[in-house]
Amino acid sequence: MAKLNLDKLSVDELQQLQKDAAKAIANYEERKRTEALAELEKVAQKHGYKLADLAGGKKAAKAASPAKYRHPENPALTWTGRGRQPKWIKEGLEAGKSLDDFAI
């Protein structure tokens, strides 16, 4: 991978790079999860089962809502848009930002 000279990028370019990197990480993690599930399904079928049967019966686990908002400086902090607003969202809104500024 080519090394970027971050010192020469504008704030807008750096923020876009951060958003792009966060999306790439999320896509990578989802791809690896899908691959792992496919592999586990094959192993379960080899033994005559369905993965769902082995993982807790016919009840489907409630999937967590996907994150819709991400902290601009710490991509590990996310919010689904449900429930109480995190402190960093409240502070951003009070500072004049909109929810669109935090959208993933």
PDB file of N, CA and C in Angstrom:
ATOM      1  N   MET A   1       0.843  -1.177   0.000  1.00  0.00           N
ATOM      2  CA  MET A   1       0.000   0.000   0.000  1.00  0.00           C
ATOM      3  C   MET A   1       0.883   1.233   0.000  1.00  0.00           C
ATOM      4  N   ALA A   2       0.513   2.211  -0.782  1.00  0.00           N
ATOM      5  CA  ALA A   2       1.281   3.449  -0.845  1.00  0.00           C
ATOM      6  C   ALA A   2       1.072   4.247   0.438  1.00  0.00           C
ATOM      7  N   LYS A   3       2.130   4.822   0.924  1.00  0.00           N
ATOM      8  CA  LYS A   3       2.049   5.608   2.153  1.00  0.00           C
ATOM      9  C   LYS A   3       1.564   7.015   1.790  1.00  0.00           C
ATOM     10  N   LEU A   4       0.525   7.459   2.478  1.00  0.00           N
ATOM     11  CA  LEU A   4      -0.019   8.794   2.259  1.00  0.00           C
ATOM     12  C   LEU A   4       0.717   9.806   3.119  1.00  0.00           C
ATOM     13  N   ASN A   5       0.947  10.971   2.565  1.00  0.00           N
ATOM     14  CA  ASN A   5       1.514  12.059   3.348  1.00  0.00           C
ATOM     15  C   ASN A   5       0.335  12.839   3.926  1.00  0.00           C
ATOM     16  N   LEU A   6      -0.034  12.497   5.143  1.00  0.00           N
ATOM     17  CA  LEU A   6      -1.210  13.094   5.767  1.00  0.00           C
ATOM     18  C   LEU A   6      -1.038  14.580   6.043  1.00  0.00           C
ATOM     19  N   ASP A   7       0.196  15.028   6.165  1.00  0.00           N
ATOM     20  CA  ASP A   7       0.456  16.439   6.445  1.00  0.00           C
ATOM     21  C   ASP A   7       0.035  17.348   5.292  1.00  0.00           C
ATOM     22  N   LYS A   8      -0.075  16.790   4.096  1.00  0.00           N
ATOM     23  CA  LYS A   8      -0.417  17.597   2.931  1.00  0.00           C
ATOM     24  C   LYS A   8      -1.911  17.593   2.617  1.00  0.00           C
ATOM     25  N   LEU A   9      -2.688  16.829   3.377  1.00  0.00           N
ATOM     26  CA  LEU A   9      -4.121  16.754   3.132  1.00  0.00           C
ATOM     27  C   LEU A   9      -4.869  17.835   3.909  1.00  0.00           C
ATOM     28  N   SER A  10      -5.954  18.307   3.312  1.00  0.00           N
ATOM     29  CA  SER A  10      -6.796  19.290   3.993  1.00  0.00           C
ATOM     30  C   SER A  10      -7.653  18.572   5.032  1.00  0.00           C
ATOM     31  N   VAL A  11      -8.321  19.341   5.868  1.00  0.00           N
ATOM     32  CA  VAL A  11      -9.201  18.761   6.887  1.00  0.00           C
ATOM     33  C   VAL A  11     -10.318  17.967   6.212  1.00  0.00           C
ATOM     34  N   ASP A  12     -10.887  18.515   5.133  1.00  0.00           N
ATOM     35  CA  ASP A  12     -11.951  17.804   4.431  1.00  0.00           C
ATOM     36  C   ASP A  12     -11.448  16.481   3.862  1.00  0.00           C
ATOM     37  N   GLU A  13     -10.261  16.483   3.301  1.00  0.00           N
ATOM     38  CA  GLU A  13      -9.686  15.260   2.753  1.00  0.00           C
ATOM     39  C   GLU A  13      -9.400  14.243   3.856  1.00  0.00           C
ATOM     40  N   LEU A  14      -8.916  14.715   4.989  1.00  0.00           N
ATOM     41  CA  LEU A  14      -8.648  13.820   6.115  1.00  0.00           C
ATOM     42  C   LEU A  14      -9.939  13.217   6.654  1.00  0.00           C
ATOM     43  N   GLN A  15     -10.989  14.031   6.755  1.00  0.00           N
ATOM     44  CA  GLN A  15     -12.273  13.528   7.241  1.00  0.00           C
ATOM     45  C   GLN A  15     -12.857  12.510   6.271  1.00  0.00           C
ATOM     46  N   GLN A  16     -12.711  12.767   4.960  1.00  0.00           N
ATOM     47  CA  GLN A  16     -13.203  11.810   3.972  1.00  0.00           C
ATOM     48  C   GLN A  16     -12.409  10.516   4.042  1.00  0.00           C
ATOM     49  N   LEU A  17     -11.104  10.628   4.238  1.00  0.00           N
ATOM     50  CA  LEU A  17     -10.255   9.452   4.385  1.00  0.00           C
ATOM     51  C   LEU A  17     -10.680   8.637   5.603  1.00  0.00           C
ATOM     52  N   GLN A  18     -11.005   9.328   6.688  1.00  0.00           N
ATOM     53  CA  GLN A  18     -11.444   8.652   7.912  1.00  0.00           C
ATOM     54  C   GLN A  18     -12.766   7.913   7.668  1.00  0.00           C
ATOM     55  N   LYS A  19     -13.706   8.566   6.973  1.00  0.00           N
ATOM     56  CA  LYS A  19     -14.989   7.923   6.677  1.00  0.00           C
ATOM     57  C   LYS A  19     -14.785   6.712   5.771  1.00  0.00           C
ATOM     58  N   ASP A  20     -13.939   6.876   4.752  1.00  0.00           N
ATOM     59  CA  ASP A  20     -13.680   5.779   3.827  1.00  0.00           C
ATOM     60  C   ASP A  20     -13.027   4.603   4.538  1.00  0.00           C
ATOM     61  N   ALA A  21     -12.098   4.890   5.441  1.00  0.00           N
ATOM     62  CA  ALA A  21     -11.425   3.822   6.182  1.00  0.00           C
ATOM     63  C   ALA A  21     -12.414   3.100   7.094  1.00  0.00           C
ATOM     64  N   ALA A  22     -13.297   3.844   7.747  1.00  0.00           N
ATOM     65  CA  ALA A  22     -14.290   3.231   8.633  1.00  0.00           C
ATOM     66  C   ALA A  22     -15.225   2.318   7.832  1.00  0.00           C
ATOM     67  N   LYS A  23     -15.642   2.768   6.637  1.00  0.00           N
ATOM     68  CA  LYS A  23     -16.500   1.935   5.791  1.00  0.00           C
ATOM     69  C   LYS A  23     -15.764   0.693   5.327  1.00  0.00           C
ATOM     70  N   ALA A  24     -14.501   0.845   4.962  1.00  0.00           N
ATOM     71  CA  ALA A  24     -13.706  -0.298   4.505  1.00  0.00           C
ATOM     72  C   ALA A  24     -13.548  -1.318   5.622  1.00  0.00           C
ATOM     73  N   ILE A  25     -13.332  -0.854   6.836  1.00  0.00           N
ATOM     74  CA  ILE A  25     -13.200  -1.761   7.982  1.00  0.00           C
ATOM     75  C   ILE A  25     -14.511  -2.497   8.223  1.00  0.00           C
ATOM     76  N   ALA A  26     -15.625  -1.778   8.177  1.00  0.00           N
ATOM     77  CA  ALA A  26     -16.936  -2.403   8.392  1.00  0.00           C
ATOM     78  C   ALA A  26     -17.215  -3.441   7.307  1.00  0.00           C
ATOM     79  N   ASN A  27     -16.895  -3.114   6.061  1.00  0.00           N
ATOM     80  CA  ASN A  27     -17.106  -4.063   4.961  1.00  0.00           C
ATOM     81  C   ASN A  27     -16.229  -5.299   5.127  1.00  0.00           C
ATOM     82  N   TYR A  28     -14.986  -5.098   5.538  1.00  0.00           N
ATOM     83  CA  TYR A  28     -14.063  -6.215   5.756  1.00  0.00           C
ATOM     84  C   TYR A  28     -14.599  -7.141   6.848  1.00  0.00           C
ATOM     85  N   GLU A  29     -15.027  -6.546   7.968  1.00  0.00           N
ATOM     86  CA  GLU A  29     -15.533  -7.346   9.079  1.00  0.00           C
ATOM     87  C   GLU A  29     -16.778  -8.126   8.676  1.00  0.00           C
ATOM     88  N   GLU A  30     -17.666  -7.517   7.908  1.00  0.00           N
ATOM     89  CA  GLU A  30     -18.877  -8.204   7.456  1.00  0.00           C
ATOM     90  C   GLU A  30     -18.519  -9.339   6.502  1.00  0.00           C
ATOM     91  N   ARG A  31     -17.567  -9.113   5.612  1.00  0.00           N
ATOM     92  CA  ARG A  31     -17.131 -10.146   4.672  1.00  0.00           C
ATOM     93  C   ARG A  31     -16.536 -11.348   5.422  1.00  0.00           C
ATOM     94  N   LYS A  32     -15.700 -11.074   6.425  1.00  0.00           N
ATOM     95  CA  LYS A  32     -15.093 -12.157   7.204  1.00  0.00           C
ATOM     96  C   LYS A  32     -16.156 -12.913   8.001  1.00  0.00           C
ATOM     97  N   ARG A  33     -17.133 -12.215   8.531  1.00  0.00           N
ATOM     98  CA  ARG A  33     -18.221 -12.845   9.274  1.00  0.00           C
ATOM     99  C   ARG A  33     -19.016 -13.770   8.362  1.00  0.00           C
ATOM    100  N   THR A  34     -19.318 -13.292   7.164  1.00  0.00           N
ATOM    101  CA  THR A  34     -20.063 -14.097   6.201  1.00  0.00           C
ATOM    102  C   THR A  34     -19.280 -15.344   5.817  1.00  0.00           C
ATOM    103  N   GLU A  35     -17.977 -15.199   5.602  1.00  0.00           N
ATOM    104  CA  GLU A  35     -17.133 -16.349   5.281  1.00  0.00           C
ATOM    105  C   GLU A  35     -17.120 -17.362   6.422  1.00  0.00           C
ATOM    106  N   ALA A  36     -17.025 -16.867   7.643  1.00  0.00           N
ATOM    107  CA  ALA A  36     -17.000 -17.757   8.808  1.00  0.00           C
ATOM    108  C   ALA A  36     -18.325 -18.504   8.942  1.00  0.00           C
ATOM    109  N   LEU A  37     -19.436 -17.810   8.743  1.00  0.00           N
ATOM    110  CA  LEU A  37     -20.744 -18.460   8.840  1.00  0.00           C
ATOM    111  C   LEU A  37     -20.904 -19.528   7.760  1.00  0.00           C
ATOM    112  N   ALA A  38     -20.425 -19.240   6.551  1.00  0.00           N
ATOM    113  CA  ALA A  38     -20.513 -20.217   5.466  1.00  0.00           C
ATOM    114  C   ALA A  38     -19.695 -21.465   5.801  1.00  0.00           C
ATOM    115  N   GLU A  39     -18.522 -21.265   6.363  1.00  0.00           N
ATOM    116  CA  GLU A  39     -17.670 -22.389   6.750  1.00  0.00           C
ATOM    117  C   GLU A  39     -18.335 -23.222   7.856  1.00  0.00           C
ATOM    118  N   LEU A  40     -18.916 -22.543   8.837  1.00  0.00           N
ATOM    119  CA  LEU A  40     -19.600 -23.251   9.917  1.00  0.00           C
ATOM    120  C   LEU A  40     -20.817 -24.012   9.399  1.00  0.00           C
ATOM    121  N   GLU A  41     -21.528 -23.428   8.463  1.00  0.00           N
ATOM    122  CA  GLU A  41     -22.693 -24.103   7.874  1.00  0.00           C
ATOM    123  C   GLU A  41     -22.268 -25.387   7.169  1.00  0.00           C
ATOM    124  N   LYS A  42     -21.147 -25.350   6.459  1.00  0.00           N
ATOM    125  CA  LYS A  42     -20.636 -26.549   5.783  1.00  0.00           C
ATOM    126  C   LYS A  42     -20.291 -27.651   6.788  1.00  0.00           C
ATOM    127  N   VAL A  43     -19.665 -27.270   7.879  1.00  0.00           N
ATOM    128  CA  VAL A  43     -19.300 -28.256   8.904  1.00  0.00           C
ATOM    129  C   VAL A  43     -20.562 -28.852   9.520  1.00  0.00           C
ATOM    130  N   ALA A  44     -21.561 -28.021   9.800  1.00  0.00           N
ATOM    131  CA  ALA A  44     -22.812 -28.524  10.373  1.00  0.00           C
ATOM    132  C   ALA A  44     -23.493 -29.483   9.403  1.00  0.00           C
ATOM    133  N   GLN A  45     -23.521 -29.141   8.112  1.00  0.00           N
ATOM    134  CA  GLN A  45     -24.147 -30.004   7.110  1.00  0.00           C
ATOM    135  C   GLN A  45     -23.408 -31.335   6.995  1.00  0.00           C
ATOM    136  N   LYS A  46     -22.086 -31.293   7.130  1.00  0.00           N
ATOM    137  CA  LYS A  46     -21.277 -32.508   7.065  1.00  0.00           C
ATOM    138  C   LYS A  46     -21.719 -33.509   8.141  1.00  0.00           C
ATOM    139  N   HIS A  47     -22.181 -33.003   9.257  1.00  0.00           N
ATOM    140  CA  HIS A  47     -22.615 -33.846  10.371  1.00  0.00           C
ATOM    141  C   HIS A  47     -24.136 -34.034  10.396  1.00  0.00           C
ATOM    142  N   GLY A  48     -24.806 -33.551   9.356  1.00  0.00           N
ATOM    143  CA  GLY A  48     -26.244 -33.777   9.247  1.00  0.00           C
ATOM    144  C   GLY A  48     -27.118 -32.768   9.966  1.00  0.00           C
ATOM    145  N   TYR A  49     -26.589 -31.612  10.258  1.00  0.00           N
ATOM    146  CA  TYR A  49     -27.353 -30.568  10.963  1.00  0.00           C
ATOM    147  C   TYR A  49     -27.392 -29.283  10.150  1.00  0.00           C
ATOM    148  N   LYS A  50     -28.261 -28.418  10.598  1.00  0.00           N
ATOM    149  CA  LYS A  50     -28.249 -27.036  10.116  1.00  0.00           C
ATOM    150  C   LYS A  50     -27.605 -26.205  11.210  1.00  0.00           C
ATOM    151  N   LEU A  51     -26.892 -25.186  10.821  1.00  0.00           N
ATOM    152  CA  LEU A  51     -26.205 -24.345  11.801  1.00  0.00           C
ATOM    153  C   LEU A  51     -27.187 -23.752  12.807  1.00  0.00           C
ATOM    154  N   ALA A  52     -28.363 -23.356  12.336  1.00  0.00           N
ATOM    155  CA  ALA A  52     -29.361 -22.768  13.233  1.00  0.00           C
ATOM    156  C   ALA A  52     -29.784 -23.750  14.320  1.00  0.00           C
ATOM    157  N   ASP A  53     -29.837 -25.043  13.958  1.00  0.00           N
ATOM    158  CA  ASP A  53     -30.217 -26.058  14.946  1.00  0.00           C
ATOM    159  C   ASP A  53     -29.160 -26.170  16.039  1.00  0.00           C
ATOM    160  N   LEU A  54     -27.905 -26.057  15.655  1.00  0.00           N
ATOM    161  CA  LEU A  54     -26.818 -26.187  16.621  1.00  0.00           C
ATOM    162  C   LEU A  54     -26.603 -24.927  17.439  1.00  0.00           C
ATOM    163  N   ALA A  55     -27.010 -23.820  16.892  1.00  0.00           N
ATOM    164  CA  ALA A  55     -26.746 -22.535  17.545  1.00  0.00           C
ATOM    165  C   ALA A  55     -27.892 -22.070  18.415  1.00  0.00           C
ATOM    166  N   GLY A  56     -28.804 -22.944  18.755  1.00  0.00           N
ATOM    167  CA  GLY A  56     -29.846 -22.520  19.683  1.00  0.00           C
ATOM    168  C   GLY A  56     -31.240 -22.813  19.200  1.00  0.00           C
ATOM    169  N   GLY A  57     -31.395 -23.732  18.306  1.00  0.00           N
ATOM    170  CA  GLY A  57     -32.722 -24.120  17.884  1.00  0.00           C
ATOM    171  C   GLY A  57     -33.278 -23.224  16.809  1.00  0.00           C
ATOM    172  N   LYS A  58     -34.601 -23.193  16.750  1.00  0.00           N
ATOM    173  CA  LYS A  58     -35.269 -22.474  15.667  1.00  0.00           C
ATOM    174  C   LYS A  58     -35.489 -21.002  15.971  1.00  0.00           C
ATOM    175  N   LYS A  59     -35.215 -20.604  17.190  1.00  0.00           N
ATOM    176  CA  LYS A  59     -35.368 -19.196  17.534  1.00  0.00           C
ATOM    177  C   LYS A  59     -34.241 -18.400  16.894  1.00  0.00           C
ATOM    178  N   ALA A  60     -34.630 -17.373  16.206  1.00  0.00           N
ATOM    179  CA  ALA A  60     -33.621 -16.508  15.598  1.00  0.00           C
ATOM    180  C   ALA A  60     -33.226 -15.451  16.612  1.00  0.00           C
ATOM    181  N   ALA A  61     -31.957 -15.263  16.764  1.00  0.00           N
ATOM    182  CA  ALA A  61     -31.474 -14.235  17.687  1.00  0.00           C
ATOM    183  C   ALA A  61     -31.804 -12.872  17.106  1.00  0.00           C
ATOM    184  N   LYS A  62     -32.191 -11.968  17.967  1.00  0.00           N
ATOM    185  CA  LYS A  62     -32.498 -10.620  17.526  1.00  0.00           C
ATOM    186  C   LYS A  62     -31.192  -9.944  17.120  1.00  0.00           C
ATOM    187  N   ALA A  63     -31.140  -9.538  15.882  1.00  0.00           N
ATOM    188  CA  ALA A  63     -29.928  -8.904  15.367  1.00  0.00           C
ATOM    189  C   ALA A  63     -29.826  -7.478  15.910  1.00  0.00           C
ATOM    190  N   ALA A  64     -28.633  -7.093  16.243  1.00  0.00           N
ATOM    191  CA  ALA A  64     -28.403  -5.739  16.712  1.00  0.00           C
ATOM    192  C   ALA A  64     -28.614  -4.772  15.548  1.00  0.00           C
ATOM    193  N   SER A  65     -29.155  -3.626  15.846  1.00  0.00           N
ATOM    194  CA  SER A  65     -29.358  -2.618  14.812  1.00  0.00           C
ATOM    195  C   SER A  65     -28.007  -2.110  14.326  1.00  0.00           C
ATOM    196  N   PRO A  66     -27.895  -1.880  13.032  1.00  0.00           N
ATOM    197  CA  PRO A  66     -26.621  -1.373  12.524  1.00  0.00           C
ATOM    198  C   PRO A  66     -26.398   0.074  12.961  1.00  0.00           C
ATOM    199  N   ALA A  67     -25.153   0.426  13.122  1.00  0.00           N
ATOM    200  CA  ALA A  67     -24.816   1.797  13.511  1.00  0.00           C
ATOM    201  C   ALA A  67     -25.121   2.740  12.355  1.00  0.00           C
ATOM    202  N   LYS A  68     -25.679   3.886  12.680  1.00  0.00           N
ATOM    203  CA  LYS A  68     -25.981   4.898  11.668  1.00  0.00           C
ATOM    204  C   LYS A  68     -25.087   6.122  11.821  1.00  0.00           C
ATOM    205  N   TYR A  69     -24.500   6.278  13.000  1.00  0.00           N
ATOM    206  CA  TYR A  69     -23.694   7.460  13.283  1.00  0.00           C
ATOM    207  C   TYR A  69     -22.367   7.043  13.897  1.00  0.00           C
ATOM    208  N   ARG A  70     -21.311   7.777  13.558  1.00  0.00           N
ATOM    209  CA  ARG A  70     -19.969   7.466  14.043  1.00  0.00           C
ATOM    210  C   ARG A  70     -19.316   8.742  14.539  1.00  0.00           C
ATOM    211  N   HIS A  71     -18.587   8.630  15.631  1.00  0.00           N
ATOM    212  CA  HIS A  71     -17.839   9.755  16.200  1.00  0.00           C
ATOM    213  C   HIS A  71     -16.790  10.197  15.183  1.00  0.00           C
ATOM    214  N   PRO A  72     -16.672  11.500  14.916  1.00  0.00           N
ATOM    215  CA  PRO A  72     -15.744  11.963  13.881  1.00  0.00           C
ATOM    216  C   PRO A  72     -14.271  11.735  14.207  1.00  0.00           C
ATOM    217  N   GLU A  73     -13.917  11.668  15.469  1.00  0.00           N
ATOM    218  CA  GLU A  73     -12.511  11.510  15.836  1.00  0.00           C
ATOM    219  C   GLU A  73     -12.189  10.106  16.333  1.00  0.00           C
ATOM    220  N   ASN A  74     -13.197   9.381  16.798  1.00  0.00           N
ATOM    221  CA  ASN A  74     -12.983   8.025  17.305  1.00  0.00           C
ATOM    222  C   ASN A  74     -13.994   7.093  16.642  1.00  0.00           C
ATOM    223  N   PRO A  75     -13.615   6.469  15.515  1.00  0.00           N
ATOM    224  CA  PRO A  75     -14.565   5.640  14.776  1.00  0.00           C
ATOM    225  C   PRO A  75     -15.076   4.428  15.551  1.00  0.00           C
ATOM    226  N   ALA A  76     -14.473   4.119  16.683  1.00  0.00           N
ATOM    227  CA  ALA A  76     -14.951   3.003  17.491  1.00  0.00           C
ATOM    228  C   ALA A  76     -16.265   3.359  18.195  1.00  0.00           C
ATOM    229  N   LEU A  77     -16.551   4.643  18.339  1.00  0.00           N
ATOM    230  CA  LEU A  77     -17.788   5.093  18.988  1.00  0.00           C
ATOM    231  C   LEU A  77     -18.870   5.248  17.930  1.00  0.00           C
ATOM    232  N   THR A  78     -19.937   4.457  18.061  1.00  0.00           N
ATOM    233  CA  THR A  78     -21.046   4.529  17.120  1.00  0.00           C
ATOM    234  C   THR A  78     -22.361   4.601  17.877  1.00  0.00           C
ATOM    235  N   TRP A  79     -23.409   4.951  17.126  1.00  0.00           N
ATOM    236  CA  TRP A  79     -24.751   5.017  17.688  1.00  0.00           C
ATOM    237  C   TRP A  79     -25.726   4.574  16.616  1.00  0.00           C
ATOM    238  N   THR A  80     -26.734   3.801  16.984  1.00  0.00           N
ATOM    239  CA  THR A  80     -27.707   3.290  16.022  1.00  0.00           C
ATOM    240  C   THR A  80     -28.786   4.305  15.680  1.00  0.00           C
ATOM    241  N   GLY A  81     -28.880   5.361  16.469  1.00  0.00           N
ATOM    242  CA  GLY A  81     -29.953   6.326  16.270  1.00  0.00           C
ATOM    243  C   GLY A  81     -31.157   6.010  17.143  1.00  0.00           C
ATOM    244  N   ARG A  82     -31.043   4.950  17.928  1.00  0.00           N
ATOM    245  CA  ARG A  82     -32.127   4.550  18.826  1.00  0.00           C
ATOM    246  C   ARG A  82     -31.699   4.783  20.263  1.00  0.00           C
ATOM    247  N   GLY A  83     -32.673   5.038  21.100  1.00  0.00           N
ATOM    248  CA  GLY A  83     -32.374   5.238  22.518  1.00  0.00           C
ATOM    249  C   GLY A  83     -31.789   6.616  22.778  1.00  0.00           C
ATOM    250  N   ARG A  84     -31.219   6.756  23.959  1.00  0.00           N
ATOM    251  CA  ARG A  84     -30.641   8.044  24.353  1.00  0.00           C
ATOM    252  C   ARG A  84     -29.460   8.398  23.469  1.00  0.00           C
ATOM    253  N   GLN A  85     -29.345   9.682  23.179  1.00  0.00           N
ATOM    254  CA  GLN A  85     -28.207  10.142  22.391  1.00  0.00           C
ATOM    255  C   GLN A  85     -26.942  10.083  23.238  1.00  0.00           C
ATOM    256  N   PRO A  86     -25.846   9.598  22.655  1.00  0.00           N
ATOM    257  CA  PRO A  86     -24.585   9.610  23.391  1.00  0.00           C
ATOM    258  C   PRO A  86     -24.126  11.042  23.637  1.00  0.00           C
ATOM    259  N   LYS A  87     -23.284  11.191  24.615  1.00  0.00           N
ATOM    260  CA  LYS A  87     -22.785  12.512  24.995  1.00  0.00           C
ATOM    261  C   LYS A  87     -22.128  13.209  23.812  1.00  0.00           C
ATOM    262  N   TRP A  88     -21.351  12.472  22.997  1.00  0.00           N
ATOM    263  CA  TRP A  88     -20.648  13.101  21.880  1.00  0.00           C
ATOM    264  C   TRP A  88     -21.609  13.593  20.800  1.00  0.00           C
ATOM    265  N   ILE A  89     -22.770  12.958  20.655  1.00  0.00           N
ATOM    266  CA  ILE A  89     -23.790  13.441  19.719  1.00  0.00           C
ATOM    267  C   ILE A  89     -24.404  14.726  20.267  1.00  0.00           C
ATOM    268  N   LYS A  90     -24.766  14.706  21.558  1.00  0.00           N
ATOM    269  CA  LYS A  90     -25.362  15.902  22.170  1.00  0.00           C
ATOM    270  C   LYS A  90     -24.426  17.095  22.073  1.00  0.00           C
ATOM    271  N   GLU A  91     -23.151  16.859  22.361  1.00  0.00           N
ATOM    272  CA  GLU A  91     -22.176  17.956  22.308  1.00  0.00           C
ATOM    273  C   GLU A  91     -22.025  18.481  20.885  1.00  0.00           C
ATOM    274  N   GLY A  92     -22.024  17.594  19.905  1.00  0.00           N
ATOM    275  CA  GLY A  92     -21.918  18.019  18.510  1.00  0.00           C
ATOM    276  C   GLY A  92     -23.125  18.828  18.069  1.00  0.00           C
ATOM    277  N   LEU A  93     -24.317  18.398  18.477  1.00  0.00           N
ATOM    278  CA  LEU A  93     -25.527  19.131  18.122  1.00  0.00           C
ATOM    279  C   LEU A  93     -25.551  20.511  18.777  1.00  0.00           C
ATOM    280  N   GLU A  94     -25.097  20.571  20.023  1.00  0.00           N
ATOM    281  CA  GLU A  94     -25.033  21.860  20.711  1.00  0.00           C
ATOM    282  C   GLU A  94     -24.015  22.788  20.072  1.00  0.00           C
ATOM    283  N   ALA A  95     -22.999  22.210  19.424  1.00  0.00           N
ATOM    284  CA  ALA A  95     -21.955  23.000  18.771  1.00  0.00           C
ATOM    285  C   ALA A  95     -22.382  23.433  17.359  1.00  0.00           C
ATOM    286  N   GLY A  96     -23.614  23.092  16.951  1.00  0.00           N
ATOM    287  CA  GLY A  96     -24.106  23.550  15.671  1.00  0.00           C
ATOM    288  C   GLY A  96     -24.040  22.517  14.553  1.00  0.00           C
ATOM    289  N   LYS A  97     -23.599  21.321  14.860  1.00  0.00           N
ATOM    290  CA  LYS A  97     -23.555  20.266  13.835  1.00  0.00           C
ATOM    291  C   LYS A  97     -24.930  19.629  13.729  1.00  0.00           C
ATOM    292  N   SER A  98     -25.135  18.904  12.610  1.00  0.00           N
ATOM    293  CA  SER A  98     -26.374  18.149  12.444  1.00  0.00           C
ATOM    294  C   SER A  98     -26.056  16.667  12.510  1.00  0.00           C
ATOM    295  N   LEU A  99     -27.091  15.858  12.614  1.00  0.00           N
ATOM    296  CA  LEU A  99     -26.887  14.413  12.645  1.00  0.00           C
ATOM    297  C   LEU A  99     -26.226  13.929  11.352  1.00  0.00           C
ATOM    298  N   ASP A 100     -26.485  14.617  10.249  1.00  0.00           N
ATOM    299  CA  ASP A 100     -25.866  14.239   8.979  1.00  0.00           C
ATOM    300  C   ASP A 100     -24.342  14.320   9.047  1.00  0.00           C
ATOM    301  N   ASP A 101     -23.818  15.185   9.900  1.00  0.00           N
ATOM    302  CA  ASP A 101     -22.368  15.308  10.037  1.00  0.00           C
ATOM    303  C   ASP A 101     -21.758  14.066  10.659  1.00  0.00           C
ATOM    304  N   PHE A 102     -22.569  13.267  11.372  1.00  0.00           N
ATOM    305  CA  PHE A 102     -22.082  12.073  12.033  1.00  0.00           C
ATOM    306  C   PHE A 102     -22.476  10.796  11.288  1.00  0.00           C
ATOM    307  N   ALA A 103     -23.256  10.938  10.214  1.00  0.00           N
ATOM    308  CA  ALA A 103     -23.783   9.771   9.495  1.00  0.00           C
ATOM    309  C   ALA A 103     -22.652   8.942   8.900  1.00  0.00           C
ATOM    310  N   ILE A 104     -22.865   7.652   8.925  1.00  0.00           N
ATOM    311  CA  ILE A 104     -21.884   6.715   8.357  1.00  0.00           C
ATOM    312  C   ILE A 104     -22.141   6.603   6.871  1.00  0.00           C
TER     313      ILE A 104
END
